[in-house]
Protein backbone atom coordinates (compact mmCIF):
# COMPACT_ATOMS: atom_id res chain seq x y z
CA UNK A 1 0.00 0.00 0.00
CA UNK A 2 2.78 2.40 0.90
CA UNK A 3 4.51 1.58 -2.36
CA UNK A 4 1.32 2.37 -4.28
CA UNK A 5 1.01 5.72 -2.52
CA UNK A 6 4.62 6.53 -3.37
CA UNK A 7 4.03 5.64 -7.01
CA UNK A 8 0.93 7.86 -7.15
CA UNK A 9 2.76 10.73 -5.50
CA UNK A 10 5.64 10.31 -7.94
CA UNK A 11 3.29 10.39 -10.93
CA UNK A 12 1.49 13.45 -9.54
CA UNK A 13 4.79 15.23 -8.96
CA UNK A 14 5.83 14.43 -12.53
CA UNK A 15 2.56 15.76 -13.91
CA UNK A 16 2.87 18.97 -11.91
CA UNK A 17 6.44 19.43 -13.06
CA UNK A 18 5.42 18.85 -16.67
CA UNK A 19 2.52 21.27 -16.30
CA UNK A 20 4.85 23.86 -14.80
CA UNK A 21 7.35 23.38 -17.60
CA UNK A 22 4.55 23.61 -20.16
CA UNK A 23 3.26 26.83 -18.62
CA UNK A 24 6.75 28.30 -18.58
CA UNK A 25 7.24 27.29 -22.22
CA UNK A 26 3.86 28.80 -23.15
CA UNK A 27 4.71 32.03 -21.36
CA UNK A 28 8.03 32.28 -23.18
CA UNK A 29 6.35 31.63 -26.53
CA UNK A 30 3.67 34.26 -25.92
CA UNK A 31 6.03 37.00 -24.80
CA UNK A 32 5.38 40.05 -27.04
CA UNK A 33 9.09 40.42 -27.77
CA UNK A 34 8.92 37.10 -29.63
CA UNK A 35 6.13 38.38 -31.87
CA UNK A 36 6.33 42.10 -32.50
CA UNK A 37 9.90 42.55 -33.66
CA UNK A 38 10.96 45.14 -36.21
CA UNK A 39 7.47 46.58 -36.47
CA UNK A 40 8.74 50.08 -37.24
CA UNK A 41 9.78 48.77 -40.65
CA UNK A 42 6.89 46.69 -42.03
CA UNK A 43 7.53 44.20 -44.81
CA UNK A 44 5.59 44.75 -48.03
CA UNK A 45 4.53 41.72 -50.03
CA UNK A 46 3.76 42.36 -53.75
CA UNK A 47 0.14 42.27 -54.78
CA UNK A 48 -0.83 40.31 -57.89
CA UNK A 49 -0.70 42.38 -61.07
CA UNK A 50 -0.11 45.73 -59.34
CA UNK A 51 3.36 45.25 -57.84
CA UNK A 52 2.07 47.07 -54.74
CA UNK A 53 2.08 45.44 -51.33
CA UNK A 54 0.18 44.77 -48.15
CA UNK A 55 2.05 44.87 -44.86
CA UNK A 56 2.93 41.47 -43.43
CA UNK A 57 3.84 40.51 -39.87
CA UNK A 58 7.61 40.84 -39.30
CA UNK A 59 9.13 37.65 -37.92
CA UNK A 60 11.46 37.00 -35.03
CA UNK A 61 15.10 37.90 -35.49
CA UNK A 62 14.46 41.46 -36.59
CA UNK A 63 15.13 44.43 -34.35
CA UNK A 64 12.79 44.57 -31.38
CA UNK A 65 10.53 47.62 -31.07
CA UNK A 66 8.57 48.40 -27.95
CA UNK A 67 5.46 49.78 -29.61
CA UNK A 68 3.57 49.38 -32.88
CA UNK A 69 0.56 50.72 -34.77
CA UNK A 70 -2.53 48.86 -35.93
CA UNK A 71 -5.06 50.04 -38.51
CA UNK A 72 -8.66 49.01 -37.75
CA UNK A 73 -11.03 49.11 -40.71
CA UNK A 74 -14.77 48.52 -40.83
CA UNK A 75 -16.08 48.44 -44.38
CA UNK A 76 -19.65 49.20 -45.42
CA UNK A 77 -20.26 45.96 -47.27
CA UNK A 78 -20.25 42.22 -46.76
CA UNK A 79 -19.08 38.95 -48.33
CA UNK A 80 -15.96 40.60 -49.76
CA UNK A 81 -17.80 43.06 -52.00
CA UNK A 82 -16.08 46.31 -52.99
CA UNK A 83 -16.84 48.92 -50.36
CA UNK A 84 -15.74 52.09 -48.62
CA UNK A 85 -14.39 52.24 -45.09
CA UNK A 86 -17.21 53.10 -42.68
CA UNK A 87 -14.92 53.06 -39.63
CA UNK A 88 -11.24 54.01 -39.56
CA UNK A 89 -9.20 53.84 -36.36
CA UNK A 90 -5.49 53.76 -35.66
CA UNK A 91 -4.32 52.02 -32.49
CA UNK A 92 -0.90 52.53 -30.94
CA UNK A 93 -0.01 49.51 -28.78
CA UNK A 94 2.74 49.86 -26.20
CA UNK A 95 3.49 46.40 -24.71
CA UNK A 96 5.94 47.82 -22.17
CA UNK A 97 3.50 50.34 -20.69
CA UNK A 98 0.53 48.04 -21.35
CA UNK A 99 -1.33 50.92 -22.94
CA UNK A 100 -3.34 51.47 -26.12
CA UNK A 101 -4.04 54.80 -27.80
CA UNK A 102 -7.05 54.90 -30.14
CA UNK A 103 -7.36 57.61 -32.80
CA UNK A 104 -10.54 57.96 -34.86
CA UNK A 105 -10.12 59.17 -38.43
CA UNK A 106 -13.35 60.68 -39.80
CA UNK A 107 -14.40 58.81 -42.93
CA UNK A 108 -15.16 62.13 -44.67
CA UNK A 109 -11.64 63.49 -44.08
CA UNK A 110 -10.41 65.31 -47.19
CA UNK A 111 -7.07 64.01 -48.42
CA UNK A 112 -5.19 63.89 -51.71
CA UNK A 113 -5.06 60.52 -53.47
CA UNK A 114 -2.47 60.31 -56.27
CA UNK A 115 -4.10 60.13 -59.69
CA UNK A 116 -7.46 61.25 -58.31
CA UNK A 117 -6.99 64.53 -56.47
CA UNK A 118 -8.64 65.64 -53.23
CA UNK A 119 -11.40 63.28 -52.12
CA UNK A 120 -12.68 61.49 -49.03
CA UNK A 121 -10.31 59.15 -47.22
CA UNK A 122 -12.93 56.39 -47.18
CA UNK A 123 -12.84 56.31 -51.00
CA UNK A 124 -9.30 54.92 -50.90
CA UNK A 125 -10.42 51.38 -50.06
CA UNK A 126 -13.02 51.36 -52.83
CA UNK A 127 -10.53 52.62 -55.41
CA UNK A 128 -7.94 50.05 -54.35
CA UNK A 129 -10.53 47.28 -54.54
CA UNK A 130 -11.41 48.29 -58.09
CA UNK A 131 -7.77 47.92 -59.06
CA UNK A 132 -6.71 44.79 -57.17
CA UNK A 133 -9.58 43.33 -55.17
CA UNK A 134 -9.69 43.10 -51.38
CA UNK A 135 -5.90 43.18 -50.97
CA UNK A 136 -5.75 46.28 -53.13
CA UNK A 137 -8.40 47.95 -50.97
CA UNK A 138 -6.43 47.13 -47.84
CA UNK A 139 -3.21 48.48 -49.30
CA UNK A 140 -4.88 51.68 -50.50
CA UNK A 141 -6.43 52.28 -47.08
CA UNK A 142 -3.10 51.60 -45.34
CA UNK A 143 -1.34 54.02 -47.67
CA UNK A 144 -3.96 56.73 -47.25
CA UNK A 145 -4.13 56.55 -43.45
CA UNK A 146 -0.36 56.22 -43.01
CA UNK A 147 0.19 59.30 -45.17
CA UNK A 148 -2.52 61.31 -43.44
CA UNK A 149 -1.36 60.47 -39.91
CA UNK A 150 2.35 60.54 -40.86
CA UNK A 151 2.86 57.19 -39.14
CA UNK A 152 3.50 53.64 -40.33
CA UNK A 153 0.64 51.19 -39.81
CA UNK A 154 2.46 47.97 -38.91
CA UNK A 155 -0.57 45.69 -38.62
CA UNK A 156 -4.17 45.80 -39.77
CA UNK A 157 -7.53 44.20 -39.04
CA UNK A 158 -10.39 44.62 -41.50
CA UNK A 159 -13.96 43.42 -41.03
CA UNK A 160 -17.31 44.04 -42.70
CA UNK A 161 -20.89 44.33 -41.39
CA UNK A 162 -21.46 40.58 -41.39
CA UNK A 163 -18.16 39.88 -39.65
CA UNK A 164 -18.76 42.54 -37.00
CA UNK A 165 -22.19 41.18 -36.12
CA UNK A 166 -20.86 37.63 -35.91
CA UNK A 167 -17.91 38.68 -33.76
CA UNK A 168 -20.08 40.45 -31.19
CA UNK A 169 -22.43 37.46 -31.05
CA UNK A 170 -19.53 35.02 -30.63
CA UNK A 171 -18.34 36.82 -27.50
CA UNK A 172 -21.85 36.81 -26.05
CA UNK A 173 -22.68 40.45 -26.80
CA UNK A 174 -21.29 43.56 -25.14
CA UNK A 175 -22.36 45.81 -22.29
CA UNK A 176 -22.23 49.55 -22.97
CA UNK A 177 -23.39 52.61 -21.07
CA UNK A 178 -24.56 55.10 -23.68
CA UNK A 179 -23.98 58.72 -22.66
CA UNK A 180 -26.78 59.87 -24.98
CA UNK A 181 -29.64 58.39 -27.04
CA UNK A 182 -28.45 56.56 -30.15
CA UNK A 183 -31.27 55.91 -32.60
CA UNK A 184 -33.68 53.50 -30.91
CA UNK A 185 -31.42 53.09 -27.86
CA UNK A 186 -32.01 55.35 -24.86
CA UNK A 187 -29.32 56.84 -22.65
CA UNK A 188 -27.99 54.32 -20.13
CA UNK A 189 -26.83 50.73 -19.83
CA UNK A 190 -27.51 48.23 -22.62
CA UNK A 191 -26.53 44.68 -23.46
CA UNK A 192 -26.07 44.63 -27.23
CA UNK A 193 -26.03 41.62 -29.51
CA UNK A 194 -24.31 41.80 -32.89
CA UNK A 195 -27.20 43.40 -34.78
CA UNK A 196 -27.79 46.00 -32.05
CA UNK A 197 -24.08 46.83 -31.75
CA UNK A 198 -23.90 47.38 -35.50
CA UNK A 199 -26.81 49.82 -35.30
CA UNK A 200 -25.03 51.79 -32.57
CA UNK A 201 -21.69 52.07 -34.39
CA UNK A 202 -23.39 53.11 -37.65
CA UNK A 203 -25.89 55.64 -36.29
CA UNK A 204 -25.11 59.33 -36.74
CA UNK A 205 -28.24 61.15 -37.91
CA UNK A 206 -29.94 61.10 -34.49
CA UNK A 207 -26.81 62.36 -32.72
CA UNK A 208 -26.47 66.07 -31.91
CA UNK A 209 -22.83 66.09 -33.02
CA UNK A 210 -23.34 63.71 -35.94
CA UNK A 211 -20.18 62.00 -37.22
CA UNK A 212 -18.07 63.11 -34.25
CA UNK A 213 -20.55 61.47 -31.90
CA UNK A 214 -20.61 58.32 -33.96
CA UNK A 215 -16.82 58.01 -33.79
CA UNK A 216 -17.00 58.26 -30.00
CA UNK A 217 -19.71 55.58 -29.92
CA UNK A 218 -17.58 53.32 -32.13
CA UNK A 219 -14.71 53.67 -29.66
CA UNK A 220 -17.12 52.95 -26.78
CA UNK A 221 -18.30 49.69 -28.36
CA UNK A 222 -14.75 48.68 -29.34
CA UNK A 223 -13.57 49.23 -25.76
CA UNK A 224 -16.46 47.10 -24.47
CA UNK A 225 -15.54 44.31 -26.90
CA UNK A 226 -11.91 44.33 -25.80
CA UNK A 227 -12.86 44.31 -22.12
CA UNK A 228 -15.21 41.36 -22.71
CA UNK A 229 -12.65 39.29 -24.62
CA UNK A 230 -9.83 39.99 -22.16
CA UNK A 231 -11.61 39.15 -18.93
CA UNK A 232 -9.68 36.58 -16.89
CA UNK A 233 -12.50 34.02 -17.11
CA UNK A 234 -12.53 34.32 -20.90
CA UNK A 235 -8.82 33.58 -21.34
CA UNK A 236 -9.25 29.82 -20.88
CA UNK A 237 -11.26 29.59 -24.10
CA UNK A 238 -9.18 32.18 -25.91
CA UNK A 239 -7.50 29.85 -28.44
CA UNK A 240 -10.91 28.60 -29.58
CA UNK A 241 -12.30 32.14 -29.63
CA UNK A 242 -9.39 33.42 -31.73
CA UNK A 243 -9.95 30.62 -34.25
CA UNK A 244 -13.61 31.61 -34.47
CA UNK A 245 -12.81 35.33 -34.61
CA UNK A 246 -10.41 34.91 -37.50
CA UNK A 247 -13.18 33.32 -39.54
CA UNK A 248 -15.11 36.58 -39.08
CA UNK A 249 -12.22 38.87 -39.97
CA UNK A 250 -11.81 39.46 -43.69
CA UNK A 251 -8.13 40.29 -43.50
CA UNK A 252 -5.43 40.61 -40.86
CA UNK A 253 -1.68 40.16 -40.79
CA UNK A 254 -1.75 39.12 -37.12
CA UNK A 255 -1.03 35.42 -36.64
CA UNK A 256 -2.98 33.39 -34.08
CA UNK A 257 0.10 33.42 -31.85
CA UNK A 258 0.32 37.21 -32.16
CA UNK A 259 -3.28 37.60 -31.00
CA UNK A 260 -2.75 35.18 -28.11
CA UNK A 261 0.35 37.11 -27.09
CA UNK A 262 -1.56 40.40 -27.03
CA UNK A 263 -4.43 38.86 -25.09
CA UNK A 264 -2.00 37.40 -22.56
CA UNK A 265 -0.37 40.81 -22.19
CA UNK A 266 -3.60 42.80 -21.83
CA UNK A 267 -5.64 40.31 -19.80
CA UNK A 268 -7.98 42.06 -17.40
CA UNK A 269 -7.79 45.24 -19.48
CA UNK A 270 -8.69 48.34 -17.48
CA UNK A 271 -10.19 51.48 -19.02
CA UNK A 272 -7.26 53.50 -17.74
CA UNK A 273 -5.09 51.56 -20.20
CA UNK A 274 -7.05 52.93 -23.16
CA UNK A 275 -6.84 56.53 -24.31
CA UNK A 276 -9.07 57.86 -27.07
CA UNK A 277 -8.69 60.95 -29.23
CA UNK A 278 -10.42 62.39 -32.30
CA UNK A 279 -9.04 64.39 -35.22
CA UNK A 280 -10.02 68.07 -34.77
CA UNK A 281 -11.21 70.15 -37.69
CA UNK A 282 -14.36 71.54 -39.22
CA UNK A 283 -16.97 70.65 -41.83
CA UNK A 284 -16.85 72.21 -45.26
CA UNK A 285 -17.74 71.61 -48.89
CA UNK A 286 -15.53 71.23 -51.94
CA UNK A 287 -15.58 69.79 -55.43
CA UNK A 288 -14.78 66.09 -55.58
CA UNK A 289 -13.15 64.94 -58.85
CA UNK A 290 -14.14 61.32 -58.19
CA UNK A 291 -17.90 61.95 -58.16
CA UNK A 292 -17.63 65.22 -60.06
CA UNK A 293 -19.82 67.11 -57.60
CA UNK A 294 -19.67 69.21 -54.46
CA UNK A 295 -19.39 67.08 -51.34
CA UNK A 296 -19.38 67.69 -47.61
CA UNK A 297 -15.98 67.01 -46.01
CA UNK A 298 -14.21 66.95 -42.69
CA UNK A 299 -11.39 69.48 -43.05
CA UNK A 300 -8.74 68.47 -40.51
CA UNK A 301 -6.51 70.88 -38.60
CA UNK A 302 -3.11 70.00 -40.11
CA UNK A 303 -1.12 71.26 -37.13
CA UNK A 304 -3.25 69.23 -34.71
CA UNK A 305 -2.96 66.11 -36.86
CA UNK A 306 0.82 66.41 -36.67
CA UNK A 307 0.70 66.92 -32.90
CA UNK A 308 -1.63 63.97 -32.35
CA UNK A 309 0.57 61.76 -34.49
CA UNK A 310 3.69 62.65 -32.53
CA UNK A 311 2.04 62.17 -29.12
CA UNK A 312 -0.24 59.20 -29.71
CA UNK A 313 1.35 57.19 -32.53
CA UNK A 314 5.09 57.63 -32.06
CA UNK A 315 5.53 57.19 -28.31
CA UNK A 316 7.64 54.25 -27.09
């Protein structure tokens, strides 16, 4: 009997040791420094026919950088159809400080697109898609936003209406506290499923400050989604969730391991770790060579754009 107890204790000790070694190995593999190396100098892979490129995840062995930028795109279409960007956000991720800066870029921002002239920034994705499909749209959006914000976008995540709804539903919905009425939703706390969340992030006509208010609501819902996915009790099913999520994302150059690494790093995300800012400017009208008509634009304050870029997208 004593021998049997000793054998059981020995087996248990071996299992615990193996589990500890496995956890240590997993931790080492998920360390951000093993994933986000050289991100200040993204690699461009040629696109078919165009010779242009879409940024790809740099691999280990390149120079380590503490922080990197991510372009978040929500397009106003589904099933891969050609579309404009309905939501544009740049995120600056600092793994050392465990902080994320979010910058909304108004979709009506007036920028110059080579070969077209001055038009809306959300037209860039559509024009790129016409030339080279979905990859071309991604590249055109990356180029437009990087040029406007004067900052490299090292990674990107792009989703459409269908993907956004599915993602919110997969995580069990989100809880938001609306600071004002948004369409059919009154001021106050709401649990939103995918369809309801999409209504909130798209609504602008009922808001007193229109597009500016919608950008803030988009950031509010995005923050709620991140908080939900990074709760400690959700981490145990994270690998499965990431697999599901990547079926809902049209394009991203994050690997599964990259996403796991970020989730590990930002588990239990607190609102103090997220800072949000909008691009200041004013509304105005101007002739648009693309549609050959007068359009309403967001005319950004160039000096403020430069300041925001330096503070929120270039910090280490």
